[in-house]
Amino acid sequence: MLQKAVLSNYPNPERIGCPGRAALEQLAKMPDRIEALETADWEHVTHCSPCYAEYLQIIEPLRR
């Protein structure tokens, strides 16, 4: 339910302030994901539907 809310409630079609794919990949690859929670990039990802969707695509293969 939380994922659905982030994916739909924070549109950002112009991708204003987005940290970019490299930063999203860095967040996804952090061995201790708790570290990610303390970054400005993570704050953006959780308030930007396009970035969150891209982040989910990046972590999907890592979860397997």
N, C-alpha and C. Protein backbone atom coordinates (compact mmCIF):
# COMPACT_ATOMS: atom_id res chain seq x y z
N MET A 1 0.83 -1.18 0.00
CA MET A 1 0.00 0.00 0.00
C MET A 1 0.89 1.26 0.00
N LEU A 2 1.98 1.22 0.76
CA LEU A 2 2.89 2.36 0.80
C LEU A 2 3.54 2.59 -0.56
N GLN A 3 3.99 1.50 -1.20
CA GLN A 3 4.59 1.63 -2.54
C GLN A 3 3.62 2.27 -3.51
N LYS A 4 2.39 1.83 -3.48
CA LYS A 4 1.38 2.37 -4.39
C LYS A 4 1.18 3.87 -4.14
N ALA A 5 1.19 4.27 -2.88
CA ALA A 5 1.02 5.69 -2.55
C ALA A 5 2.18 6.52 -3.08
N VAL A 6 3.40 6.06 -2.88
CA VAL A 6 4.57 6.81 -3.37
C VAL A 6 4.55 6.87 -4.89
N LEU A 7 4.17 5.77 -5.53
CA LEU A 7 4.16 5.72 -6.99
C LEU A 7 3.10 6.62 -7.61
N SER A 8 2.07 6.95 -6.87
CA SER A 8 0.99 7.75 -7.48
C SER A 8 0.82 9.15 -6.90
N ASN A 9 1.32 9.40 -5.72
CA ASN A 9 1.04 10.67 -5.07
C ASN A 9 2.10 11.76 -5.26
N TYR A 10 3.19 11.44 -5.92
CA TYR A 10 4.27 12.41 -6.08
C TYR A 10 4.71 12.53 -7.54
N PRO A 11 3.83 12.99 -8.42
CA PRO A 11 4.22 13.12 -9.82
C PRO A 11 5.33 14.18 -9.97
N ASN A 12 6.19 13.93 -10.89
CA ASN A 12 7.29 14.87 -11.17
C ASN A 12 7.66 14.66 -12.65
N PRO A 13 6.75 15.00 -13.56
CA PRO A 13 6.98 14.70 -14.99
C PRO A 13 8.22 15.36 -15.57
N GLU A 14 8.63 16.50 -15.02
CA GLU A 14 9.83 17.16 -15.54
C GLU A 14 11.10 16.64 -14.86
N ARG A 15 10.92 15.74 -13.89
CA ARG A 15 12.04 15.14 -13.13
C ARG A 15 12.91 16.22 -12.48
N ILE A 16 12.26 17.22 -11.92
CA ILE A 16 12.95 18.32 -11.25
C ILE A 16 13.61 17.81 -9.96
N GLY A 17 14.90 18.08 -9.84
CA GLY A 17 15.64 17.70 -8.64
C GLY A 17 16.03 16.25 -8.55
N CYS A 18 15.77 15.47 -9.58
CA CYS A 18 16.07 14.04 -9.55
C CYS A 18 17.58 13.81 -9.51
N PRO A 19 18.03 12.88 -8.67
CA PRO A 19 19.46 12.66 -8.50
C PRO A 19 20.12 11.90 -9.65
N GLY A 20 19.35 11.25 -10.50
CA GLY A 20 19.91 10.51 -11.63
C GLY A 20 20.07 9.02 -11.34
N ARG A 21 20.21 8.28 -12.41
CA ARG A 21 20.26 6.82 -12.31
C ARG A 21 21.45 6.34 -11.47
N ALA A 22 22.60 6.95 -11.63
CA ALA A 22 23.78 6.51 -10.87
C ALA A 22 23.53 6.60 -9.36
N ALA A 23 22.90 7.67 -8.93
CA ALA A 23 22.60 7.83 -7.50
C ALA A 23 21.58 6.79 -7.04
N LEU A 24 20.59 6.50 -7.88
CA LEU A 24 19.60 5.49 -7.53
C LEU A 24 20.25 4.11 -7.44
N GLU A 25 21.16 3.83 -8.35
CA GLU A 25 21.88 2.55 -8.31
C GLU A 25 22.73 2.46 -7.05
N GLN A 26 23.34 3.56 -6.67
CA GLN A 26 24.15 3.59 -5.45
C GLN A 26 23.28 3.29 -4.24
N LEU A 27 22.11 3.89 -4.16
CA LEU A 27 21.19 3.62 -3.05
C LEU A 27 20.78 2.15 -3.03
N ALA A 28 20.50 1.60 -4.19
CA ALA A 28 20.04 0.22 -4.28
C ALA A 28 21.12 -0.78 -3.88
N LYS A 29 22.36 -0.42 -4.11
CA LYS A 29 23.46 -1.36 -3.86
C LYS A 29 24.08 -1.22 -2.48
N MET A 30 23.59 -0.30 -1.68
CA MET A 30 24.13 -0.15 -0.32
C MET A 30 23.90 -1.44 0.45
N PRO A 31 24.98 -2.02 0.99
CA PRO A 31 24.82 -3.29 1.69
C PRO A 31 23.90 -3.18 2.90
N ASP A 32 23.94 -2.07 3.57
CA ASP A 32 23.05 -1.85 4.70
C ASP A 32 22.09 -0.74 4.29
N ARG A 33 20.90 -1.11 3.85
CA ARG A 33 19.96 -0.14 3.30
C ARG A 33 19.56 0.95 4.29
N ILE A 34 19.82 0.71 5.57
CA ILE A 34 19.54 1.74 6.57
C ILE A 34 20.36 2.98 6.27
N GLU A 35 21.57 2.81 5.74
CA GLU A 35 22.40 3.96 5.37
C GLU A 35 21.68 4.84 4.36
N ALA A 36 20.95 4.23 3.46
CA ALA A 36 20.26 4.98 2.41
C ALA A 36 19.22 5.93 3.00
N LEU A 37 18.61 5.53 4.09
CA LEU A 37 17.56 6.34 4.69
C LEU A 37 18.06 7.70 5.17
N GLU A 38 19.36 7.81 5.36
CA GLU A 38 19.93 9.05 5.89
C GLU A 38 20.42 10.00 4.80
N THR A 39 20.19 9.68 3.54
CA THR A 39 20.71 10.51 2.46
C THR A 39 19.63 11.44 1.90
N ALA A 40 20.08 12.57 1.36
CA ALA A 40 19.16 13.51 0.72
C ALA A 40 18.55 12.87 -0.52
N ASP A 41 19.33 12.02 -1.22
CA ASP A 41 18.80 11.36 -2.40
C ASP A 41 17.62 10.46 -2.03
N TRP A 42 17.73 9.75 -0.92
CA TRP A 42 16.62 8.87 -0.50
C TRP A 42 15.39 9.70 -0.17
N GLU A 43 15.57 10.82 0.47
CA GLU A 43 14.46 11.72 0.78
C GLU A 43 13.74 12.12 -0.52
N HIS A 44 14.52 12.41 -1.56
CA HIS A 44 13.93 12.76 -2.85
C HIS A 44 13.18 11.57 -3.43
N VAL A 45 13.81 10.41 -3.43
CA VAL A 45 13.20 9.20 -4.02
C VAL A 45 11.84 8.91 -3.40
N THR A 46 11.73 9.09 -2.11
CA THR A 46 10.46 8.79 -1.43
C THR A 46 9.40 9.86 -1.64
N HIS A 47 9.77 10.93 -2.35
CA HIS A 47 8.81 12.00 -2.64
C HIS A 47 8.78 12.34 -4.13
N CYS A 48 9.14 11.36 -4.95
CA CYS A 48 9.16 11.54 -6.41
C CYS A 48 8.76 10.20 -7.04
N SER A 49 7.56 10.14 -7.56
CA SER A 49 7.06 8.89 -8.14
C SER A 49 7.97 8.33 -9.24
N PRO A 50 8.46 9.14 -10.19
CA PRO A 50 9.32 8.58 -11.23
C PRO A 50 10.63 7.99 -10.66
N CYS A 51 11.24 8.67 -9.70
CA CYS A 51 12.47 8.14 -9.11
C CYS A 51 12.20 6.86 -8.33
N TYR A 52 11.10 6.83 -7.62
CA TYR A 52 10.77 5.63 -6.84
C TYR A 52 10.52 4.45 -7.78
N ALA A 53 9.82 4.68 -8.88
CA ALA A 53 9.57 3.61 -9.85
C ALA A 53 10.89 3.11 -10.43
N GLU A 54 11.79 4.03 -10.75
CA GLU A 54 13.10 3.64 -11.29
C GLU A 54 13.90 2.87 -10.25
N TYR A 55 13.86 3.31 -9.01
CA TYR A 55 14.55 2.62 -7.91
C TYR A 55 14.02 1.19 -7.77
N LEU A 56 12.71 1.02 -7.84
CA LEU A 56 12.13 -0.32 -7.73
C LEU A 56 12.60 -1.22 -8.87
N GLN A 57 12.73 -0.66 -10.07
CA GLN A 57 13.24 -1.43 -11.20
C GLN A 57 14.69 -1.86 -10.96
N ILE A 58 15.47 -1.00 -10.36
CA ILE A 58 16.89 -1.31 -10.10
C ILE A 58 17.02 -2.39 -9.04
N ILE A 59 16.23 -2.33 -7.98
CA ILE A 59 16.41 -3.30 -6.90
C ILE A 59 15.77 -4.66 -7.18
N GLU A 60 14.86 -4.72 -8.14
CA GLU A 60 14.19 -6.00 -8.43
C GLU A 60 15.19 -7.14 -8.67
N PRO A 61 16.15 -6.99 -9.57
CA PRO A 61 17.10 -8.08 -9.77
C PRO A 61 18.00 -8.34 -8.56
N LEU A 62 18.24 -7.32 -7.76
CA LEU A 62 19.08 -7.48 -6.57
C LEU A 62 18.36 -8.27 -5.49
N ARG A 63 17.05 -8.22 -5.48
CA ARG A 63 16.24 -8.95 -4.50
C ARG A 63 16.25 -10.45 -4.76
N ARG A 64 16.45 -10.83 -6.01
CA ARG A 64 16.41 -12.26 -6.36
C ARG A 64 17.63 -12.96 -5.93
